[in-house]
Amino acid sequence: VQLQASGGGLAQAGGSLRLSCAASGRTLRIYNMDNMGWFRQAPGKEREFVAAISLSSGNTNYADSVKGRFTISGDSAKNTVWLQMNSLKPEDTAVYYCACDRYSGHMYYSNLVDYWGQGTLVTVSS
């Protein structure tokens, strides 16, 4: 499975950015990689869960720190997810990583996720 993320950049506090991630590869369907989402890692900090979605059911989950501000959506036909980030705060500054796994429970733990994208930098200025 290959994950291609894009959409990071610079935004002012209170602004918005939209990330996208497209998954591809033969094993995507073979192993039913249904769950996609995002983690982030700020300098000097551990990688943390941000949001996840089940492409088949549409069920979503969010970290408390982003609830009400970020929205994850997906298209199962395109194996693509998007993360709409609104009301951005300086503390949202991090490298955002797209993730994919067959088990929804794994999407909360960076050490359990099967596949990672290359990371895209989000910088929020105050």
N, C-alpha and C. Protein backbone atom coordinates (compact mmCIF):
# COMPACT_ATOMS: atom_id res chain seq x y z
N VAL A 1 0.85 -1.20 0.00
CA VAL A 1 0.00 0.00 0.00
C VAL A 1 0.88 1.24 0.00
N GLN A 2 0.55 2.17 -0.87
CA GLN A 2 1.25 3.46 -0.92
C GLN A 2 0.25 4.56 -0.58
N LEU A 3 0.69 5.49 0.25
CA LEU A 3 -0.14 6.62 0.65
C LEU A 3 0.53 7.90 0.21
N GLN A 4 -0.20 8.72 -0.55
CA GLN A 4 0.32 9.98 -1.05
C GLN A 4 -0.47 11.11 -0.43
N ALA A 5 0.18 11.87 0.44
CA ALA A 5 -0.48 12.98 1.13
C ALA A 5 -0.08 14.30 0.50
N SER A 6 -0.99 15.26 0.58
CA SER A 6 -0.69 16.60 0.06
C SER A 6 -1.58 17.61 0.77
N GLY A 7 -1.25 18.89 0.59
CA GLY A 7 -2.11 19.95 1.09
C GLY A 7 -1.60 20.73 2.26
N GLY A 8 -0.46 20.37 2.81
CA GLY A 8 0.06 21.14 3.93
C GLY A 8 0.51 22.52 3.48
N GLY A 9 0.88 23.34 4.45
CA GLY A 9 1.34 24.68 4.14
C GLY A 9 1.26 25.58 5.35
N LEU A 10 1.24 26.86 5.06
CA LEU A 10 1.25 27.89 6.10
C LEU A 10 -0.13 28.54 6.19
N ALA A 11 -0.62 28.68 7.41
CA ALA A 11 -1.88 29.36 7.64
C ALA A 11 -1.77 30.22 8.88
N GLN A 12 -2.59 31.23 8.93
CA GLN A 12 -2.65 32.07 10.13
C GLN A 12 -3.62 31.44 11.12
N ALA A 13 -3.43 31.77 12.38
CA ALA A 13 -4.36 31.30 13.40
C ALA A 13 -5.78 31.73 13.03
N GLY A 14 -6.69 30.77 13.16
CA GLY A 14 -8.06 31.03 12.76
C GLY A 14 -8.37 30.67 11.33
N GLY A 15 -7.32 30.38 10.58
CA GLY A 15 -7.50 30.04 9.18
C GLY A 15 -7.79 28.57 8.95
N SER A 16 -7.74 28.18 7.68
CA SER A 16 -8.09 26.81 7.30
C SER A 16 -7.08 26.24 6.32
N LEU A 17 -6.95 24.92 6.37
CA LEU A 17 -6.19 24.16 5.40
C LEU A 17 -6.91 22.85 5.17
N ARG A 18 -6.64 22.25 4.01
CA ARG A 18 -7.26 20.97 3.68
C ARG A 18 -6.18 20.00 3.22
N LEU A 19 -6.10 18.88 3.89
CA LEU A 19 -5.15 17.84 3.52
C LEU A 19 -5.87 16.72 2.76
N SER A 20 -5.16 16.09 1.87
CA SER A 20 -5.72 14.93 1.19
C SER A 20 -4.71 13.79 1.21
N CYS A 21 -5.23 12.58 1.09
CA CYS A 21 -4.38 11.40 1.08
C CYS A 21 -5.03 10.34 0.20
N ALA A 22 -4.28 9.88 -0.77
CA ALA A 22 -4.77 8.85 -1.68
C ALA A 22 -3.99 7.57 -1.47
N ALA A 23 -4.71 6.47 -1.34
CA ALA A 23 -4.08 5.17 -1.14
C ALA A 23 -4.12 4.38 -2.44
N SER A 24 -3.08 3.61 -2.68
CA SER A 24 -3.02 2.78 -3.88
C SER A 24 -2.24 1.52 -3.58
N GLY A 25 -2.36 0.54 -4.47
CA GLY A 25 -1.61 -0.69 -4.30
C GLY A 25 -2.51 -1.90 -4.29
N ARG A 26 -1.95 -3.04 -4.76
CA ARG A 26 -2.73 -4.27 -4.88
C ARG A 26 -3.22 -4.75 -3.53
N THR A 27 -2.41 -4.58 -2.50
CA THR A 27 -2.76 -5.13 -1.19
C THR A 27 -3.87 -4.35 -0.51
N LEU A 28 -4.23 -3.20 -1.08
CA LEU A 28 -5.25 -2.37 -0.47
C LEU A 28 -6.55 -3.16 -0.29
N ARG A 29 -6.98 -3.84 -1.34
CA ARG A 29 -8.23 -4.61 -1.27
C ARG A 29 -8.01 -6.01 -0.76
N ILE A 30 -6.86 -6.57 -1.05
CA ILE A 30 -6.59 -7.93 -0.59
C ILE A 30 -6.70 -8.02 0.93
N TYR A 31 -6.12 -7.04 1.60
CA TYR A 31 -6.13 -7.06 3.06
C TYR A 31 -7.18 -6.12 3.65
N ASN A 32 -8.11 -5.66 2.82
CA ASN A 32 -9.23 -4.86 3.31
C ASN A 32 -8.77 -3.70 4.18
N MET A 33 -7.90 -2.89 3.61
CA MET A 33 -7.41 -1.73 4.34
C MET A 33 -8.49 -0.67 4.34
N ASP A 34 -9.43 -0.80 5.24
CA ASP A 34 -10.63 0.02 5.23
C ASP A 34 -10.49 1.33 5.99
N ASN A 35 -9.54 1.38 6.90
CA ASN A 35 -9.45 2.52 7.81
C ASN A 35 -8.30 3.44 7.42
N MET A 36 -8.63 4.69 7.26
CA MET A 36 -7.62 5.69 6.92
C MET A 36 -7.75 6.86 7.88
N GLY A 37 -6.66 7.58 8.05
CA GLY A 37 -6.74 8.70 8.97
C GLY A 37 -5.45 9.49 9.01
N TRP A 38 -5.34 10.29 10.05
CA TRP A 38 -4.21 11.21 10.19
C TRP A 38 -3.65 11.19 11.61
N PHE A 39 -2.34 11.23 11.66
CA PHE A 39 -1.60 11.48 12.89
C PHE A 39 -0.80 12.76 12.66
N ARG A 40 -0.27 13.31 13.72
CA ARG A 40 0.62 14.45 13.59
C ARG A 40 1.73 14.36 14.61
N GLN A 41 2.84 15.00 14.26
CA GLN A 41 4.00 15.01 15.15
C GLN A 41 4.61 16.39 15.16
N ALA A 42 4.55 17.02 16.31
CA ALA A 42 5.16 18.33 16.49
C ALA A 42 6.62 18.13 16.92
N PRO A 43 7.46 19.14 16.71
CA PRO A 43 8.87 19.01 17.11
C PRO A 43 9.02 18.65 18.57
N GLY A 44 9.80 17.62 18.83
CA GLY A 44 10.07 17.22 20.20
C GLY A 44 8.96 16.44 20.87
N LYS A 45 7.92 16.12 20.12
CA LYS A 45 6.79 15.40 20.70
C LYS A 45 6.56 14.09 19.97
N GLU A 46 5.80 13.22 20.61
CA GLU A 46 5.47 11.94 20.00
C GLU A 46 4.38 12.12 18.94
N ARG A 47 4.32 11.17 18.03
CA ARG A 47 3.29 11.18 17.02
C ARG A 47 1.94 10.88 17.70
N GLU A 48 0.92 11.68 17.38
CA GLU A 48 -0.35 11.53 18.04
C GLU A 48 -1.50 11.41 17.03
N PHE A 49 -2.52 10.69 17.45
CA PHE A 49 -3.72 10.49 16.64
C PHE A 49 -4.46 11.81 16.47
N VAL A 50 -4.98 12.02 15.24
CA VAL A 50 -5.78 13.22 14.96
C VAL A 50 -7.22 12.83 14.61
N ALA A 51 -7.36 12.02 13.56
CA ALA A 51 -8.70 11.65 13.09
C ALA A 51 -8.61 10.40 12.24
N ALA A 52 -9.72 9.66 12.18
CA ALA A 52 -9.76 8.45 11.37
C ALA A 52 -11.17 8.24 10.85
N ILE A 53 -11.25 7.49 9.75
CA ILE A 53 -12.54 7.19 9.15
C ILE A 53 -12.52 5.77 8.61
N SER A 54 -13.66 5.09 8.71
CA SER A 54 -13.85 3.81 8.04
C SER A 54 -14.44 4.11 6.67
N LEU A 55 -13.73 3.73 5.61
CA LEU A 55 -14.21 4.04 4.27
C LEU A 55 -15.50 3.30 3.94
N SER A 56 -15.73 2.14 4.53
CA SER A 56 -16.93 1.38 4.22
C SER A 56 -18.15 1.88 4.99
N SER A 57 -17.97 2.26 6.24
CA SER A 57 -19.12 2.66 7.07
C SER A 57 -19.27 4.17 7.18
N GLY A 58 -18.18 4.89 6.98
CA GLY A 58 -18.20 6.33 7.16
C GLY A 58 -18.04 6.77 8.61
N ASN A 59 -17.89 5.81 9.52
CA ASN A 59 -17.70 6.17 10.93
C ASN A 59 -16.40 6.95 11.10
N THR A 60 -16.48 8.00 11.91
CA THR A 60 -15.31 8.85 12.13
C THR A 60 -14.98 8.95 13.61
N ASN A 61 -13.72 9.23 13.90
CA ASN A 61 -13.27 9.47 15.26
C ASN A 61 -12.24 10.60 15.24
N TYR A 62 -12.24 11.37 16.32
CA TYR A 62 -11.35 12.52 16.41
C TYR A 62 -10.67 12.58 17.77
N ALA A 63 -9.49 13.14 17.77
CA ALA A 63 -8.85 13.48 19.04
C ALA A 63 -9.61 14.64 19.66
N ASP A 64 -9.64 14.67 20.97
CA ASP A 64 -10.38 15.74 21.66
C ASP A 64 -9.87 17.12 21.26
N SER A 65 -8.58 17.22 20.98
CA SER A 65 -7.97 18.51 20.69
C SER A 65 -8.44 19.11 19.36
N VAL A 66 -9.03 18.30 18.49
CA VAL A 66 -9.45 18.81 17.18
C VAL A 66 -10.95 18.71 16.95
N LYS A 67 -11.67 18.10 17.88
CA LYS A 67 -13.13 17.97 17.72
C LYS A 67 -13.77 19.33 17.55
N GLY A 68 -14.68 19.41 16.58
CA GLY A 68 -15.38 20.65 16.31
C GLY A 68 -14.62 21.60 15.39
N ARG A 69 -13.35 21.30 15.13
CA ARG A 69 -12.55 22.15 14.25
C ARG A 69 -12.12 21.43 12.97
N PHE A 70 -11.82 20.15 13.12
CA PHE A 70 -11.35 19.35 11.98
C PHE A 70 -12.46 18.38 11.55
N THR A 71 -12.52 18.13 10.25
CA THR A 71 -13.48 17.18 9.72
C THR A 71 -12.78 16.24 8.76
N ILE A 72 -12.92 14.94 9.00
CA ILE A 72 -12.35 13.95 8.09
C ILE A 72 -13.47 13.39 7.22
N SER A 73 -13.17 13.21 5.96
CA SER A 73 -14.12 12.62 5.03
C SER A 73 -13.38 11.69 4.09
N GLY A 74 -14.12 10.82 3.42
CA GLY A 74 -13.47 9.86 2.55
C GLY A 74 -14.32 9.43 1.39
N ASP A 75 -13.66 8.90 0.39
CA ASP A 75 -14.31 8.35 -0.79
C ASP A 75 -13.75 6.95 -1.00
N SER A 76 -14.58 5.94 -0.74
CA SER A 76 -14.10 4.56 -0.82
C SER A 76 -13.77 4.16 -2.25
N ALA A 77 -14.46 4.73 -3.23
CA ALA A 77 -14.20 4.39 -4.62
C ALA A 77 -12.83 4.90 -5.07
N LYS A 78 -12.41 6.01 -4.50
CA LYS A 78 -11.13 6.61 -4.85
C LYS A 78 -10.05 6.29 -3.84
N ASN A 79 -10.41 5.60 -2.75
CA ASN A 79 -9.45 5.30 -1.68
C ASN A 79 -8.73 6.58 -1.24
N THR A 80 -9.51 7.61 -1.03
CA THR A 80 -8.96 8.92 -0.71
C THR A 80 -9.68 9.48 0.52
N VAL A 81 -8.91 10.13 1.38
CA VAL A 81 -9.49 10.83 2.52
C VAL A 81 -9.00 12.26 2.51
N TRP A 82 -9.81 13.11 3.13
CA TRP A 82 -9.48 14.53 3.26
C TRP A 82 -9.61 14.92 4.72
N LEU A 83 -8.81 15.88 5.13
CA LEU A 83 -8.90 16.43 6.47
C LEU A 83 -9.07 17.94 6.32
N GLN A 84 -10.27 18.42 6.58
CA GLN A 84 -10.54 19.84 6.55
C GLN A 84 -10.23 20.41 7.94
N MET A 85 -9.30 21.32 7.98
CA MET A 85 -8.87 21.88 9.26
C MET A 85 -9.27 23.34 9.33
N ASN A 86 -10.18 23.66 10.21
CA ASN A 86 -10.67 25.03 10.40
C ASN A 86 -10.27 25.54 11.78
N SER A 87 -10.39 26.82 11.94
CA SER A 87 -10.05 27.46 13.23
C SER A 87 -8.69 26.99 13.73
N LEU A 88 -7.73 27.02 12.85
CA LEU A 88 -6.40 26.51 13.19
C LEU A 88 -5.76 27.31 14.31
N LYS A 89 -4.99 26.61 15.13
CA LYS A 89 -4.28 27.21 16.25
C LYS A 89 -2.78 26.97 16.07
N PRO A 90 -1.94 27.81 16.65
CA PRO A 90 -0.50 27.57 16.56
C PRO A 90 -0.11 26.17 17.04
N GLU A 91 -0.81 25.65 18.02
CA GLU A 91 -0.49 24.31 18.54
C GLU A 91 -0.86 23.19 17.56
N ASP A 92 -1.52 23.52 16.45
CA ASP A 92 -1.77 22.53 15.40
C ASP A 92 -0.55 22.35 14.50
N THR A 93 0.44 23.20 14.66
CA THR A 93 1.66 23.10 13.86
C THR A 93 2.34 21.75 14.08
N ALA A 94 2.54 21.02 12.99
CA ALA A 94 3.13 19.69 13.07
C ALA A 94 3.29 19.14 11.66
N VAL A 95 4.01 18.04 11.58
CA VAL A 95 4.00 17.25 10.35
C VAL A 95 2.82 16.29 10.46
N TYR A 96 1.96 16.30 9.48
CA TYR A 96 0.77 15.45 9.48
C TYR A 96 1.03 14.23 8.59
N TYR A 97 0.75 13.07 9.15
CA TYR A 97 0.99 11.82 8.45
C TYR A 97 -0.33 11.11 8.17
N CYS A 98 -0.49 10.71 6.93
CA CYS A 98 -1.63 9.88 6.58
C CYS A 98 -1.33 8.43 6.99
N ALA A 99 -2.36 7.72 7.43
CA ALA A 99 -2.19 6.36 7.89
C ALA A 99 -3.31 5.48 7.37
N CYS A 100 -3.02 4.19 7.30
CA CYS A 100 -3.99 3.22 6.78
C CYS A 100 -3.81 1.89 7.51
N ASP A 101 -4.92 1.27 7.87
CA ASP A 101 -4.84 -0.02 8.57
C ASP A 101 -6.13 -0.79 8.36
N ARG A 102 -6.04 -2.10 8.49
CA ARG A 102 -7.25 -2.91 8.33
C ARG A 102 -8.14 -2.89 9.57
N TYR A 103 -7.55 -2.55 10.72
CA TYR A 103 -8.30 -2.57 11.97
C TYR A 103 -8.54 -1.15 12.47
N SER A 104 -9.78 -0.81 12.73
CA SER A 104 -10.10 0.53 13.22
C SER A 104 -9.43 0.82 14.55
N GLY A 105 -9.30 -0.19 15.39
CA GLY A 105 -8.68 0.01 16.70
C GLY A 105 -7.23 0.40 16.63
N HIS A 106 -6.56 0.01 15.56
CA HIS A 106 -5.14 0.35 15.41
C HIS A 106 -4.93 1.81 15.08
N MET A 107 -5.97 2.47 14.59
CA MET A 107 -5.80 3.83 14.10
C MET A 107 -5.57 4.83 15.22
N TYR A 108 -5.67 4.44 16.46
CA TYR A 108 -5.40 5.35 17.57
C TYR A 108 -3.94 5.28 18.03
N TYR A 109 -3.22 4.26 17.60
CA TYR A 109 -1.89 4.00 18.13
C TYR A 109 -0.86 3.95 17.00
N SER A 110 0.07 4.88 17.02
CA SER A 110 1.03 4.98 15.93
C SER A 110 1.89 3.73 15.80
N ASN A 111 2.09 3.00 16.90
CA ASN A 111 2.94 1.81 16.83
C ASN A 111 2.20 0.60 16.26
N LEU A 112 0.89 0.73 16.01
CA LEU A 112 0.11 -0.38 15.48
C LEU A 112 -0.29 -0.20 14.02
N VAL A 113 -0.19 1.02 13.52
CA VAL A 113 -0.62 1.31 12.16
C VAL A 113 0.26 0.57 11.15
N ASP A 114 -0.41 0.01 10.11
CA ASP A 114 0.33 -0.77 9.11
C ASP A 114 1.08 0.09 8.11
N TYR A 115 0.46 1.15 7.60
CA TYR A 115 1.05 1.91 6.50
C TYR A 115 1.00 3.42 6.77
N TRP A 116 2.05 4.08 6.32
CA TRP A 116 2.19 5.52 6.52
C TRP A 116 2.46 6.23 5.20
N GLY A 117 1.95 7.46 5.10
CA GLY A 117 2.34 8.34 4.03
C GLY A 117 3.61 9.09 4.42
N GLN A 118 4.05 9.97 3.52
CA GLN A 118 5.34 10.62 3.70
C GLN A 118 5.32 11.81 4.63
N GLY A 119 4.17 12.30 5.03
CA GLY A 119 4.10 13.45 5.92
C GLY A 119 4.03 14.76 5.16
N THR A 120 3.20 15.66 5.66
CA THR A 120 3.09 16.98 5.07
C THR A 120 3.07 18.01 6.20
N LEU A 121 3.85 19.07 6.05
CA LEU A 121 4.04 20.05 7.12
C LEU A 121 2.90 21.07 7.13
N VAL A 122 2.34 21.26 8.30
CA VAL A 122 1.34 22.30 8.55
C VAL A 122 1.92 23.27 9.56
N THR A 123 1.98 24.54 9.19
CA THR A 123 2.50 25.57 10.09
C THR A 123 1.43 26.63 10.29
N VAL A 124 1.11 26.89 11.54
CA VAL A 124 0.09 27.88 11.87
C VAL A 124 0.76 29.01 12.63
N SER A 125 0.69 30.19 12.09
CA SER A 125 1.32 31.35 12.72
C SER A 125 0.30 32.10 13.58
N SER A 126 0.80 32.69 14.66
CA SER A 126 -0.10 33.41 15.58
C SER A 126 -0.27 34.84 15.16
